[in-house]
Structures are given as C-alpha cells and as structure tokens.
C-alpha cells in the first residue's frame, strides 16, 4: 500500500525471499521507471506502483517532497525517498535493508 489514498497497480505475484515496503511513483513512458520495475520483477521483490498519469492527485504531494520539481521515478523504500534514482541507487538502498536485487 502506498502512503497516499490511491490504488496502486500490483505486479504479478512472484515468491519473495525477504520483504521490504517499496513503492514506485512514475509513468509508463518513463524508461528509468520501467527499468527499475523490471529489475524488481526479475528479483521477485514486491512493490506498489503508482502511475502518475492515472493518479494526478498525487502530483502535488510529490512536488512538496521534491521542492516543486516533480521528476520520475520517485521510489519509496521503507521510509527512504529516492528522487530519480539509478538502478544502482535502488540496489544500494535495498541492500542496506537486507534485500538483494
């Protein structure tokens, strides 16, 4: 579940070894968003996905976090916010939480 009242799209169910809450806020047309989603899918790491084109009400909340510069993706991992992260940055945060990507 995301931190806001939107219904995220659930990826297909894949068995997971260790869980950590992950939410991705992005767009279908954003290459980095889709790269991170595919990597999580392949690793069997569950996550919530909020397509910002389908949930424009989330924009203002995310803009408050990014000081008005909404750029995607925004990844929320167990309390940590990553703005426009690379796959390596996502891997590093997950590793700190004991999850290998």
C-alpha atoms as a PDB file:
ATOM      1  CA  UNK A   1       0.000   0.000   0.000  1.00  0.00           C
ATOM      2  CA  UNK A   2       1.300   3.420  -0.851  1.00  0.00           C
ATOM      3  CA  UNK A   3       1.414   6.224   1.670  1.00  0.00           C
ATOM      4  CA  UNK A   4      -1.449   8.026  -0.067  1.00  0.00           C
ATOM      5  CA  UNK A   5      -5.013   7.050  -0.868  1.00  0.00           C
ATOM      6  CA  UNK A   6      -4.529   5.655  -4.343  1.00  0.00           C
ATOM      7  CA  UNK A   7      -4.890   2.097  -5.504  1.00  0.00           C
ATOM      8  CA  UNK A   8      -1.545   1.035  -6.933  1.00  0.00           C
ATOM      9  CA  UNK A   9      -1.130  -1.427  -9.743  1.00  0.00           C
ATOM     10  CA  UNK A  10       0.100  -4.738  -8.387  1.00  0.00           C
ATOM     11  CA  UNK A  11       2.797  -6.545 -10.335  1.00  0.00           C
ATOM     12  CA  UNK A  12       2.403 -10.239 -10.947  1.00  0.00           C
ATOM     13  CA  UNK A  13       2.979 -12.339  -7.849  1.00  0.00           C
ATOM     14  CA  UNK A  14       6.471 -13.744  -7.557  1.00  0.00           C
ATOM     15  CA  UNK A  15       7.788 -15.593  -4.479  1.00  0.00           C
ATOM     16  CA  UNK A  16       9.992 -13.333  -2.367  1.00  0.00           C
ATOM     17  CA  UNK A  17      12.841 -14.215  -0.037  1.00  0.00           C
ATOM     18  CA  UNK A  18      12.801 -11.049   2.095  1.00  0.00           C
ATOM     19  CA  UNK A  19      10.305  -8.246   2.068  1.00  0.00           C
ATOM     20  CA  UNK A  20      10.682  -4.539   2.490  1.00  0.00           C
ATOM     21  CA  UNK A  21       7.993  -1.949   1.641  1.00  0.00           C
ATOM     22  CA  UNK A  22       8.698  -0.478  -1.799  1.00  0.00           C
ATOM     23  CA  UNK A  23       6.561   1.961  -3.784  1.00  0.00           C
ATOM     24  CA  UNK A  24       7.386   3.378  -7.193  1.00  0.00           C
ATOM     25  CA  UNK A  25       5.789   6.587  -8.457  1.00  0.00           C
ATOM     26  CA  UNK A  26       6.345   7.021 -12.163  1.00  0.00           C
ATOM     27  CA  UNK A  27       4.935   6.848 -15.667  1.00  0.00           C
ATOM     28  CA  UNK A  28       4.555   4.094 -18.251  1.00  0.00           C
ATOM     29  CA  UNK A  29       6.542   6.202 -20.719  1.00  0.00           C
ATOM     30  CA  UNK A  30       9.495   6.731 -18.318  1.00  0.00           C
ATOM     31  CA  UNK A  31      12.352   4.403 -19.240  1.00  0.00           C
ATOM     32  CA  UNK A  32      14.041   4.541 -15.830  1.00  0.00           C
ATOM     33  CA  UNK A  33      10.763   3.754 -14.072  1.00  0.00           C
ATOM     34  CA  UNK A  34      10.237   0.708 -16.245  1.00  0.00           C
ATOM     35  CA  UNK A  35      13.875  -0.404 -15.871  1.00  0.00           C
ATOM     36  CA  UNK A  36      13.546  -0.383 -12.062  1.00  0.00           C
ATOM     37  CA  UNK A  37      10.183  -2.185 -12.212  1.00  0.00           C
ATOM     38  CA  UNK A  38      11.578  -4.925 -14.470  1.00  0.00           C
ATOM     39  CA  UNK A  39      14.600  -5.413 -12.188  1.00  0.00           C
ATOM     40  CA  UNK A  40      12.349  -5.751  -9.133  1.00  0.00           C
ATOM     41  CA  UNK A  41      10.066  -8.156 -11.010  1.00  0.00           C
ATOM     42  CA  UNK A  42      13.010 -10.336 -12.066  1.00  0.00           C
ATOM     43  CA  UNK A  43      14.346 -10.397  -8.494  1.00  0.00           C
ATOM     44  CA  UNK A  44      10.925 -11.288  -7.086  1.00  0.00           C
ATOM     45  CA  UNK A  45      10.757  -8.148  -4.968  1.00  0.00           C
ATOM     46  CA  UNK A  46       7.196  -6.977  -4.461  1.00  0.00           C
ATOM     47  CA  UNK A  47       6.321  -3.323  -4.798  1.00  0.00           C
ATOM     48  CA  UNK A  48       3.416  -0.950  -5.257  1.00  0.00           C
ATOM     49  CA  UNK A  49       3.357   1.053  -8.470  1.00  0.00           C
ATOM     50  CA  UNK A  50       1.500   4.336  -8.890  1.00  0.00           C
ATOM     51  CA  UNK A  51       1.222   5.598 -12.459  1.00  0.00           C
ATOM     52  CA  UNK A  52       1.219   9.367 -12.137  1.00  0.00           C
ATOM     53  CA  UNK A  53      -0.710   9.762 -15.392  1.00  0.00           C
ATOM     54  CA  UNK A  54      -3.569   7.790 -13.830  1.00  0.00           C
ATOM     55  CA  UNK A  55      -3.322   9.444 -10.387  1.00  0.00           C
ATOM     56  CA  UNK A  56      -2.714  13.169 -10.916  1.00  0.00           C
ATOM     57  CA  UNK A  57      -3.884  13.892  -7.352  1.00  0.00           C
ATOM     58  CA  UNK A  58      -0.555  12.537  -6.118  1.00  0.00           C
ATOM     59  CA  UNK A  59       1.430  15.175  -8.069  1.00  0.00           C
ATOM     60  CA  UNK A  60       1.066  17.971  -5.511  1.00  0.00           C
ATOM     61  CA  UNK A  61       2.141  15.711  -2.651  1.00  0.00           C
ATOM     62  CA  UNK A  62       5.200  14.528  -4.511  1.00  0.00           C
ATOM     63  CA  UNK A  63       6.029  18.081  -5.586  1.00  0.00           C
ATOM     64  CA  UNK A  64       6.113  19.041  -1.902  1.00  0.00           C
ATOM     65  CA  UNK A  65       8.773  16.368  -1.363  1.00  0.00           C
ATOM     66  CA  UNK A  66      10.790  17.451  -4.381  1.00  0.00           C
ATOM     67  CA  UNK A  67      10.539  21.216  -3.780  1.00  0.00           C
ATOM     68  CA  UNK A  68       8.328  21.647  -6.831  1.00  0.00           C
ATOM     69  CA  UNK A  69      10.492  19.653  -9.222  1.00  0.00           C
ATOM     70  CA  UNK A  70       8.499  16.521  -9.963  1.00  0.00           C
ATOM     71  CA  UNK A  71      10.747  14.174 -11.888  1.00  0.00           C
ATOM     72  CA  UNK A  72      10.245  10.465 -12.202  1.00  0.00           C
ATOM     73  CA  UNK A  73      10.675   7.955 -10.910  1.00  0.00           C
ATOM     74  CA  UNK A  74      10.317   8.555  -7.220  1.00  0.00           C
ATOM     75  CA  UNK A  75      10.981   5.415  -5.206  1.00  0.00           C
ATOM     76  CA  UNK A  76       9.987   4.954  -1.571  1.00  0.00           C
ATOM     77  CA  UNK A  77      11.826   2.125   0.201  1.00  0.00           C
ATOM     78  CA  UNK A  78      10.967   1.519   3.845  1.00  0.00           C
ATOM     79  CA  UNK A  79      10.929   5.212   4.762  1.00  0.00           C
ATOM     80  CA  UNK A  80      13.638   6.392   2.360  1.00  0.00           C
ATOM     81  CA  UNK A  81      12.748   8.595  -0.633  1.00  0.00           C
ATOM     82  CA  UNK A  82      14.823   8.364  -3.804  1.00  0.00           C
ATOM     83  CA  UNK A  83      14.283  11.045  -6.448  1.00  0.00           C
ATOM     84  CA  UNK A  84      15.205   9.980  -9.982  1.00  0.00           C
ATOM     85  CA  UNK A  85      17.378   7.128  -8.726  1.00  0.00           C
ATOM     86  CA  UNK A  86      19.555   4.962 -10.884  1.00  0.00           C
ATOM     87  CA  UNK A  87      19.170   1.208 -10.630  1.00  0.00           C
ATOM     88  CA  UNK A  88      22.414   1.135  -8.626  1.00  0.00           C
ATOM     89  CA  UNK A  89      20.999   3.577  -6.083  1.00  0.00           C
ATOM     90  CA  UNK A  90      17.905   1.409  -5.662  1.00  0.00           C
ATOM     91  CA  UNK A  91      20.141  -1.657  -5.279  1.00  0.00           C
ATOM     92  CA  UNK A  92      22.209   0.090  -2.589  1.00  0.00           C
ATOM     93  CA  UNK A  93      19.176   1.083  -0.520  1.00  0.00           C
ATOM     94  CA  UNK A  94      17.659  -2.386  -0.822  1.00  0.00           C
ATOM     95  CA  UNK A  95      21.000  -3.915   0.221  1.00  0.00           C
ATOM     96  CA  UNK A  96      21.006  -1.742   3.367  1.00  0.00           C
ATOM     97  CA  UNK A  97      17.647  -3.341   4.169  1.00  0.00           C
ATOM     98  CA  UNK A  98      18.964  -6.855   3.549  1.00  0.00           C
ATOM     99  CA  UNK A  99      17.375  -7.325   0.120  1.00  0.00           C
ATOM    100  CA  UNK A 100      19.452  -8.269  -2.915  1.00  0.00           C
ATOM    101  CA  UNK A 101      18.442  -7.031  -6.333  1.00  0.00           C
END
